[in-house]
C-alpha atoms as a PDB file:
ATOM      1  CA  UNK A   1      20.578 -40.882  13.800  1.00  0.00           C
ATOM      2  CA  UNK A   2      22.087 -37.657  12.449  1.00  0.00           C
ATOM      3  CA  UNK A   3      18.796 -36.752  10.773  1.00  0.00           C
ATOM      4  CA  UNK A   4      16.954 -37.187  14.071  1.00  0.00           C
ATOM      5  CA  UNK A   5      19.489 -35.030  15.915  1.00  0.00           C
ATOM      6  CA  UNK A   6      19.311 -32.314  13.269  1.00  0.00           C
ATOM      7  CA  UNK A   7      15.522 -32.300  12.869  1.00  0.00           C
ATOM      8  CA  UNK A   8      15.244 -28.727  14.112  1.00  0.00           C
ATOM      9  CA  UNK A   9      17.606 -27.481  11.391  1.00  0.00           C
ATOM     10  CA  UNK A  10      15.916 -29.269   8.475  1.00  0.00           C
ATOM     11  CA  UNK A  11      13.049 -28.104   6.274  1.00  0.00           C
ATOM     12  CA  UNK A  12       9.828 -28.202   8.264  1.00  0.00           C
ATOM     13  CA  UNK A  13       7.578 -30.563   6.371  1.00  0.00           C
ATOM     14  CA  UNK A  14       8.016 -33.665   4.343  1.00  0.00           C
ATOM     15  CA  UNK A  15       8.865 -37.291   4.469  1.00  0.00           C
ATOM     16  CA  UNK A  16      12.191 -38.890   3.639  1.00  0.00           C
ATOM     17  CA  UNK A  17      12.033 -41.656   1.017  1.00  0.00           C
ATOM     18  CA  UNK A  18      14.670 -44.254   0.151  1.00  0.00           C
ATOM     19  CA  UNK A  19      15.718 -42.140  -2.852  1.00  0.00           C
ATOM     20  CA  UNK A  20      16.020 -39.116  -0.553  1.00  0.00           C
ATOM     21  CA  UNK A  21      18.217 -41.095   1.825  1.00  0.00           C
ATOM     22  CA  UNK A  22      20.480 -42.070  -1.057  1.00  0.00           C
ATOM     23  CA  UNK A  23      20.911 -38.385  -2.020  1.00  0.00           C
ATOM     24  CA  UNK A  24      21.561 -37.407   1.604  1.00  0.00           C
ATOM     25  CA  UNK A  25      24.088 -40.218   2.040  1.00  0.00           C
ATOM     26  CA  UNK A  26      25.840 -39.107  -1.158  1.00  0.00           C
ATOM     27  CA  UNK A  27      26.135 -35.566   0.219  1.00  0.00           C
ATOM     28  CA  UNK A  28      27.503 -37.036   3.451  1.00  0.00           C
ATOM     29  CA  UNK A  29      30.125 -38.940   1.436  1.00  0.00           C
ATOM     30  CA  UNK A  30      31.122 -35.734  -0.384  1.00  0.00           C
ATOM     31  CA  UNK A  31      31.273 -33.928   2.966  1.00  0.00           C
ATOM     32  CA  UNK A  32      33.531 -36.563   4.516  1.00  0.00           C
ATOM     33  CA  UNK A  33      35.884 -36.430   1.519  1.00  0.00           C
ATOM     34  CA  UNK A  34      36.029 -32.629   1.301  1.00  0.00           C
ATOM     35  CA  UNK A  35      36.295 -31.947   5.037  1.00  0.00           C
ATOM     36  CA  UNK A  36      38.780 -34.777   5.588  1.00  0.00           C
ATOM     37  CA  UNK A  37      41.150 -33.495   2.915  1.00  0.00           C
ATOM     38  CA  UNK A  38      40.762 -29.859   3.975  1.00  0.00           C
ATOM     39  CA  UNK A  39      41.503 -30.776   7.612  1.00  0.00           C
ATOM     40  CA  UNK A  40      44.777 -32.293   6.394  1.00  0.00           C
ATOM     41  CA  UNK A  41      45.621 -29.037   4.615  1.00  0.00           C
ATOM     42  CA  UNK A  42      44.965 -30.554   1.190  1.00  0.00           C
ATOM     43  CA  UNK A  43      42.693 -29.456  -1.622  1.00  0.00           C
ATOM     44  CA  UNK A  44      39.272 -31.139  -1.406  1.00  0.00           C
ATOM     45  CA  UNK A  45      38.555 -33.517  -4.301  1.00  0.00           C
ATOM     46  CA  UNK A  46      36.955 -31.785  -7.279  1.00  0.00           C
ATOM     47  CA  UNK A  47      34.280 -34.517  -7.469  1.00  0.00           C
ATOM     48  CA  UNK A  48      33.283 -33.832  -3.864  1.00  0.00           C
ATOM     49  CA  UNK A  49      33.005 -30.081  -4.452  1.00  0.00           C
ATOM     50  CA  UNK A  50      31.046 -30.661  -7.652  1.00  0.00           C
ATOM     51  CA  UNK A  51      28.703 -33.033  -5.801  1.00  0.00           C
ATOM     52  CA  UNK A  52      28.102 -30.491  -3.026  1.00  0.00           C
ATOM     53  CA  UNK A  53      27.347 -27.794  -5.602  1.00  0.00           C
ATOM     54  CA  UNK A  54      24.986 -30.063  -7.560  1.00  0.00           C
ATOM     55  CA  UNK A  55      23.100 -30.977  -4.397  1.00  0.00           C
ATOM     56  CA  UNK A  56      22.498 -27.288  -3.724  1.00  0.00           C
ATOM     57  CA  UNK A  57      21.381 -26.699  -7.314  1.00  0.00           C
ATOM     58  CA  UNK A  58      18.810 -29.495  -6.998  1.00  0.00           C
ATOM     59  CA  UNK A  59      16.889 -27.412  -4.429  1.00  0.00           C
ATOM     60  CA  UNK A  60      17.946 -23.785  -4.809  1.00  0.00           C
ATOM     61  CA  UNK A  61      17.437 -21.389  -1.926  1.00  0.00           C
ATOM     62  CA  UNK A  62      15.642 -18.106  -2.430  1.00  0.00           C
ATOM     63  CA  UNK A  63      15.706 -15.202   0.004  1.00  0.00           C
ATOM     64  CA  UNK A  64      11.950 -14.825   0.485  1.00  0.00           C
ATOM     65  CA  UNK A  65      10.836 -11.336   1.567  1.00  0.00           C
ATOM     66  CA  UNK A  66       7.599 -10.679   3.388  1.00  0.00           C
ATOM     67  CA  UNK A  67       6.107  -7.631   5.109  1.00  0.00           C
ATOM     68  CA  UNK A  68       4.948  -8.568   8.593  1.00  0.00           C
ATOM     69  CA  UNK A  69       3.886  -6.296  11.474  1.00  0.00           C
ATOM     70  CA  UNK A  70       5.320  -3.091   9.993  1.00  0.00           C
ATOM     71  CA  UNK A  71       8.697  -4.599   9.180  1.00  0.00           C
ATOM     72  CA  UNK A  72      10.380  -6.644   6.497  1.00  0.00           C
ATOM     73  CA  UNK A  73      11.216 -10.254   7.270  1.00  0.00           C
ATOM     74  CA  UNK A  74      13.462 -12.367   5.084  1.00  0.00           C
ATOM     75  CA  UNK A  75      13.962 -16.097   5.242  1.00  0.00           C
ATOM     76  CA  UNK A  76      15.649 -18.622   3.033  1.00  0.00           C
ATOM     77  CA  UNK A  77      13.274 -21.059   1.332  1.00  0.00           C
ATOM     78  CA  UNK A  78      14.153 -23.961  -0.912  1.00  0.00           C
ATOM     79  CA  UNK A  79      12.200 -25.364  -3.808  1.00  0.00           C
ATOM     80  CA  UNK A  80      12.151 -28.976  -4.912  1.00  0.00           C
ATOM     81  CA  UNK A  81      11.357 -32.328  -3.342  1.00  0.00           C
ATOM     82  CA  UNK A  82      11.756 -32.634   0.419  1.00  0.00           C
ATOM     83  CA  UNK A  83      14.738 -34.973   0.207  1.00  0.00           C
ATOM     84  CA  UNK A  84      16.485 -32.654  -2.254  1.00  0.00           C
ATOM     85  CA  UNK A  85      15.857 -29.781   0.175  1.00  0.00           C
ATOM     86  CA  UNK A  86      17.466 -31.726   3.020  1.00  0.00           C
ATOM     87  CA  UNK A  87      20.452 -32.738   0.871  1.00  0.00           C
ATOM     88  CA  UNK A  88      20.838 -29.133  -0.355  1.00  0.00           C
ATOM     89  CA  UNK A  89      20.691 -27.732   3.190  1.00  0.00           C
ATOM     90  CA  UNK A  90      23.337 -30.230   4.294  1.00  0.00           C
ATOM     91  CA  UNK A  91      25.545 -29.433   1.284  1.00  0.00           C
ATOM     92  CA  UNK A  92      25.179 -25.700   1.945  1.00  0.00           C
ATOM     93  CA  UNK A  93      26.263 -26.184   5.565  1.00  0.00           C
ATOM     94  CA  UNK A  94      29.315 -28.156   4.450  1.00  0.00           C
ATOM     95  CA  UNK A  95      30.295 -25.468   1.943  1.00  0.00           C
ATOM     96  CA  UNK A  96      29.814 -22.762   4.599  1.00  0.00           C
ATOM     97  CA  UNK A  97      32.027 -24.722   6.983  1.00  0.00           C
ATOM     98  CA  UNK A  98      34.761 -25.223   4.363  1.00  0.00           C
ATOM     99  CA  UNK A  99      34.761 -21.474   3.613  1.00  0.00           C
ATOM    100  CA  UNK A 100      34.675 -20.402   7.272  1.00  0.00           C
ATOM    101  CA  UNK A 101      37.914 -18.688   8.366  1.00  0.00           C
ATOM    102  CA  UNK A 102      37.699 -20.700  11.604  1.00  0.00           C
ATOM    103  CA  UNK A 103      37.730 -24.004   9.693  1.00  0.00           C
ATOM    104  CA  UNK A 104      41.171 -24.831  11.094  1.00  0.00           C
ATOM    105  CA  UNK A 105      39.564 -25.101  14.539  1.00  0.00           C
ATOM    106  CA  UNK A 106      37.216 -27.944  13.553  1.00  0.00           C
ATOM    107  CA  UNK A 107      37.577 -30.840  15.992  1.00  0.00           C
ATOM    108  CA  UNK A 108      36.423 -34.406  16.359  1.00  0.00           C
ATOM    109  CA  UNK A 109      34.114 -35.113  19.274  1.00  0.00           C
ATOM    110  CA  UNK A 110      36.045 -36.850  22.068  1.00  0.00           C
ATOM    111  CA  UNK A 111      33.146 -39.145  22.993  1.00  0.00           C
ATOM    112  CA  UNK A 112      34.185 -42.742  22.345  1.00  0.00           C
ATOM    113  CA  UNK A 113      31.084 -43.618  20.313  1.00  0.00           C
ATOM    114  CA  UNK A 114      30.660 -40.343  18.368  1.00  0.00           C
ATOM    115  CA  UNK A 115      31.983 -39.495  14.920  1.00  0.00           C
ATOM    116  CA  UNK A 116      30.702 -35.908  14.741  1.00  0.00           C
ATOM    117  CA  UNK A 117      32.892 -32.912  13.957  1.00  0.00           C
ATOM    118  CA  UNK A 118      32.230 -29.522  15.463  1.00  0.00           C
ATOM    119  CA  UNK A 119      33.465 -25.954  15.417  1.00  0.00           C
ATOM    120  CA  UNK A 120      34.122 -25.110  19.078  1.00  0.00           C
ATOM    121  CA  UNK A 121      32.749 -21.872  20.490  1.00  0.00           C
ATOM    122  CA  UNK A 122      35.278 -22.158  23.323  1.00  0.00           C
ATOM    123  CA  UNK A 123      38.868 -23.453  23.007  1.00  0.00           C
ATOM    124  CA  UNK A 124      38.382 -26.011  25.796  1.00  0.00           C
ATOM    125  CA  UNK A 125      35.256 -27.574  24.299  1.00  0.00           C
ATOM    126  CA  UNK A 126      35.700 -31.323  23.814  1.00  0.00           C
ATOM    127  CA  UNK A 127      32.315 -32.669  22.654  1.00  0.00           C
ATOM    128  CA  UNK A 128      30.002 -31.956  19.752  1.00  0.00           C
ATOM    129  CA  UNK A 129      27.149 -31.503  22.211  1.00  0.00           C
ATOM    130  CA  UNK A 130      27.589 -30.824  25.903  1.00  0.00           C
ATOM    131  CA  UNK A 131      24.094 -32.102  26.602  1.00  0.00           C
ATOM    132  CA  UNK A 132      24.557 -35.361  24.684  1.00  0.00           C
ATOM    133  CA  UNK A 133      28.165 -36.509  24.407  1.00  0.00           C
ATOM    134  CA  UNK A 134      29.549 -34.328  27.171  1.00  0.00           C
ATOM    135  CA  UNK A 135      26.946 -35.470  29.663  1.00  0.00           C
ATOM    136  CA  UNK A 136      27.486 -39.146  28.785  1.00  0.00           C
ATOM    137  CA  UNK A 137      31.254 -38.754  29.244  1.00  0.00           C
ATOM    138  CA  UNK A 138      30.797 -37.041  32.605  1.00  0.00           C
ATOM    139  CA  UNK A 139      28.379 -39.744  33.770  1.00  0.00           C
ATOM    140  CA  UNK A 140      30.786 -42.477  32.636  1.00  0.00           C
ATOM    141  CA  UNK A 141      33.660 -40.818  34.543  1.00  0.00           C
ATOM    142  CA  UNK A 142      31.450 -40.504  37.622  1.00  0.00           C
ATOM    143  CA  UNK A 143      30.538 -44.193  37.527  1.00  0.00           C
ATOM    144  CA  UNK A 144      34.168 -45.142  36.951  1.00  0.00           C
ATOM    145  CA  UNK A 145      35.249 -43.171  40.031  1.00  0.00           C
ATOM    146  CA  UNK A 146      32.465 -44.578  42.211  1.00  0.00           C
ATOM    147  CA  UNK A 147      32.511 -48.142  40.961  1.00  0.00           C
ATOM    148  CA  UNK A 148      32.860 -50.681  43.742  1.00  0.00           C
ATOM    149  CA  UNK A 149      35.307 -53.475  43.118  1.00  0.00           C
END
């Protein structure tokens, strides 16, 4: 489900194989361990940090420069198999989050059936996605208030 929700943030082309899923799940495990410990104010496990770094090394990113319409454009491109690119992009995002000065603000989504974490743009934000979890919570509250007994 996460991969489907994040499709717009993943490398553009490719197909995920079973081996790719195993690599992505391993990165997710490292992410859970590292973020969980860091949220408790503890040092993330060295194995988790090593795993996140190795995932990035499996599909290194290069700042690719191109001249387009009288200006320079630069984008990050990864090499390697598609699944390794996805795992590397996920690992890079986790590392960026762990190093973010706002990391202490990371919250768990308040939707009953969601396990996502998010970095709130506003201090009153309660859901990982206002359009997904927030809307479902508002609809559930509406039905609860208007339920006939």
